Amino acid sequence: MTKWTLRLMTFLAITFLLICSGIFDPLAESVKYTVTNLMNYIPTEKWEPYPDRLEDNYFTMYIVFNAVAAAAAFFIGKKVVWLVRNT
């Protein structure tokens, strides 16, 4: 239980640091129009105006990019620590 809590806290800390750094801001900015246009083809129960969807999708994409990068960084870091311990 403690090991998984530590892993989750490490993942969240890496995600938070990436979000604060703003490293994926240009990427999220560049794909927000494409994602919003794709989302307009998916029928939803609640219709939202295009500008509101645009900002919501930008924020969602920004969080997703940072979380994926944090997961990759965590996995690589875990493998590096494992390799160092076993050599």
C-alpha atoms as a PDB file:
ATOM      1  CA  MET A   1       0.000   0.000   0.000  1.00  0.00           C
ATOM      2  CA  THR A   2       2.780   2.435   0.903  1.00  0.00           C
ATOM      3  CA  LYS A   3       4.708   1.616  -2.275  1.00  0.00           C
ATOM      4  CA  TRP A   4       1.709   2.431  -4.484  1.00  0.00           C
ATOM      5  CA  THR A   5       0.967   5.607  -2.558  1.00  0.00           C
ATOM      6  CA  LEU A   6       4.565   6.730  -3.057  1.00  0.00           C
ATOM      7  CA  ARG A   7       4.355   5.912  -6.770  1.00  0.00           C
ATOM      8  CA  LEU A   8       1.107   7.846  -7.160  1.00  0.00           C
ATOM      9  CA  MET A   9       2.478  10.851  -5.281  1.00  0.00           C
ATOM     10  CA  THR A  10       5.632  10.811  -7.425  1.00  0.00           C
ATOM     11  CA  PHE A  11       3.554  10.657 -10.614  1.00  0.00           C
ATOM     12  CA  LEU A  12       1.354  13.538  -9.441  1.00  0.00           C
ATOM     13  CA  ALA A  13       4.405  15.592  -8.451  1.00  0.00           C
ATOM     14  CA  ILE A  14       5.993  15.101 -11.878  1.00  0.00           C
ATOM     15  CA  THR A  15       2.688  15.999 -13.544  1.00  0.00           C
ATOM     16  CA  PHE A  16       2.376  19.137 -11.415  1.00  0.00           C
ATOM     17  CA  LEU A  17       5.925  20.225 -12.234  1.00  0.00           C
ATOM     18  CA  LEU A  18       5.294  19.722 -15.951  1.00  0.00           C
ATOM     19  CA  ILE A  19       2.051  21.682 -15.766  1.00  0.00           C
ATOM     20  CA  CYS A  20       3.776  24.544 -13.958  1.00  0.00           C
ATOM     21  CA  SER A  21       6.633  24.565 -16.457  1.00  0.00           C
ATOM     22  CA  GLY A  22       4.284  25.110 -19.407  1.00  0.00           C
ATOM     23  CA  ILE A  23       6.377  22.929 -21.682  1.00  0.00           C
ATOM     24  CA  PHE A  24       3.336  21.520 -23.531  1.00  0.00           C
ATOM     25  CA  ASP A  25       1.497  24.830 -23.886  1.00  0.00           C
ATOM     26  CA  PRO A  26       2.490  25.349 -27.563  1.00  0.00           C
ATOM     27  CA  LEU A  27       1.483  21.788 -28.439  1.00  0.00           C
ATOM     28  CA  ALA A  28      -1.911  22.070 -26.743  1.00  0.00           C
ATOM     29  CA  GLU A  29      -2.419  25.469 -28.373  1.00  0.00           C
ATOM     30  CA  SER A  30      -1.668  24.078 -31.826  1.00  0.00           C
ATOM     31  CA  VAL A  31      -4.072  21.114 -31.614  1.00  0.00           C
ATOM     32  CA  LYS A  32      -7.007  22.767 -29.849  1.00  0.00           C
ATOM     33  CA  TYR A  33      -8.744  23.760 -33.106  1.00  0.00           C
ATOM     34  CA  THR A  34      -8.296  20.302 -34.608  1.00  0.00           C
ATOM     35  CA  VAL A  35      -9.585  18.549 -31.487  1.00  0.00           C
ATOM     36  CA  THR A  36     -12.546  20.919 -31.187  1.00  0.00           C
ATOM     37  CA  ASN A  37     -13.485  20.407 -34.829  1.00  0.00           C
ATOM     38  CA  LEU A  38     -13.334  16.634 -34.315  1.00  0.00           C
ATOM     39  CA  MET A  39     -15.396  16.907 -31.130  1.00  0.00           C
ATOM     40  CA  ASN A  40     -18.129  18.793 -33.018  1.00  0.00           C
ATOM     41  CA  TYR A  41     -18.868  15.583 -34.932  1.00  0.00           C
ATOM     42  CA  ILE A  42     -19.602  13.689 -31.705  1.00  0.00           C
ATOM     43  CA  PRO A  43     -23.206  14.235 -30.608  1.00  0.00           C
ATOM     44  CA  THR A  44     -23.561  15.250 -26.977  1.00  0.00           C
ATOM     45  CA  GLU A  45     -26.568  15.832 -24.757  1.00  0.00           C
ATOM     46  CA  LYS A  46     -25.534  19.379 -23.937  1.00  0.00           C
ATOM     47  CA  TRP A  47     -24.639  21.759 -26.734  1.00  0.00           C
ATOM     48  CA  GLU A  48     -21.876  24.234 -25.938  1.00  0.00           C
ATOM     49  CA  PRO A  49     -20.808  27.233 -28.004  1.00  0.00           C
ATOM     50  CA  TYR A  50     -17.625  26.808 -30.043  1.00  0.00           C
ATOM     51  CA  PRO A  51     -15.456  29.216 -27.953  1.00  0.00           C
ATOM     52  CA  ASP A  52     -16.370  27.407 -24.725  1.00  0.00           C
ATOM     53  CA  ARG A  53     -15.517  24.047 -26.264  1.00  0.00           C
ATOM     54  CA  LEU A  54     -12.283  25.481 -27.588  1.00  0.00           C
ATOM     55  CA  GLU A  55     -11.051  26.522 -24.148  1.00  0.00           C
ATOM     56  CA  ASP A  56     -12.261  23.310 -22.497  1.00  0.00           C
ATOM     57  CA  ASN A  57     -10.496  21.182 -25.108  1.00  0.00           C
ATOM     58  CA  TYR A  58      -7.309  23.236 -24.791  1.00  0.00           C
ATOM     59  CA  PHE A  59      -7.237  22.656 -21.036  1.00  0.00           C
ATOM     60  CA  THR A  60      -8.039  18.957 -21.436  1.00  0.00           C
ATOM     61  CA  MET A  61      -5.325  18.438 -24.046  1.00  0.00           C
ATOM     62  CA  TYR A  62      -2.813  20.350 -21.908  1.00  0.00           C
ATOM     63  CA  ILE A  63      -3.515  18.103 -18.913  1.00  0.00           C
ATOM     64  CA  VAL A  64      -3.437  14.922 -21.037  1.00  0.00           C
ATOM     65  CA  PHE A  65      -0.080  15.804 -22.640  1.00  0.00           C
ATOM     66  CA  ASN A  66       1.446  16.536 -19.239  1.00  0.00           C
ATOM     67  CA  ALA A  67       0.055  13.347 -17.689  1.00  0.00           C
ATOM     68  CA  VAL A  68       1.357  11.190 -20.556  1.00  0.00           C
ATOM     69  CA  ALA A  69       4.790  12.808 -20.312  1.00  0.00           C
ATOM     70  CA  ALA A  70       4.803  12.321 -16.536  1.00  0.00           C
ATOM     71  CA  ALA A  71       3.889   8.653 -16.954  1.00  0.00           C
ATOM     72  CA  ALA A  72       6.707   8.190 -19.479  1.00  0.00           C
ATOM     73  CA  ALA A  73       9.184  10.002 -17.222  1.00  0.00           C
ATOM     74  CA  PHE A  74       8.105   7.923 -14.238  1.00  0.00           C
ATOM     75  CA  PHE A  75       8.416   4.659 -16.181  1.00  0.00           C
ATOM     76  CA  ILE A  76      11.858   5.584 -17.536  1.00  0.00           C
ATOM     77  CA  GLY A  77      13.011   6.706 -14.092  1.00  0.00           C
ATOM     78  CA  LYS A  78      11.779   3.485 -12.542  1.00  0.00           C
ATOM     79  CA  LYS A  79      13.659   1.417 -15.143  1.00  0.00           C
ATOM     80  CA  VAL A  80      16.849   3.442 -14.611  1.00  0.00           C
ATOM     81  CA  VAL A  81      16.664   2.942 -10.852  1.00  0.00           C
ATOM     82  CA  TRP A  82      16.072  -0.799 -11.390  1.00  0.00           C
ATOM     83  CA  LEU A  83      19.075  -1.029 -13.726  1.00  0.00           C
ATOM     84  CA  VAL A  84      21.334   0.842 -11.289  1.00  0.00           C
ATOM     85  CA  ARG A  85      20.287  -1.408  -8.391  1.00  0.00           C
ATOM     86  CA  ASN A  86      20.832  -4.621 -10.351  1.00  0.00           C
ATOM     87  CA  THR A  87      24.264  -3.882 -11.775  1.00  0.00           C
END
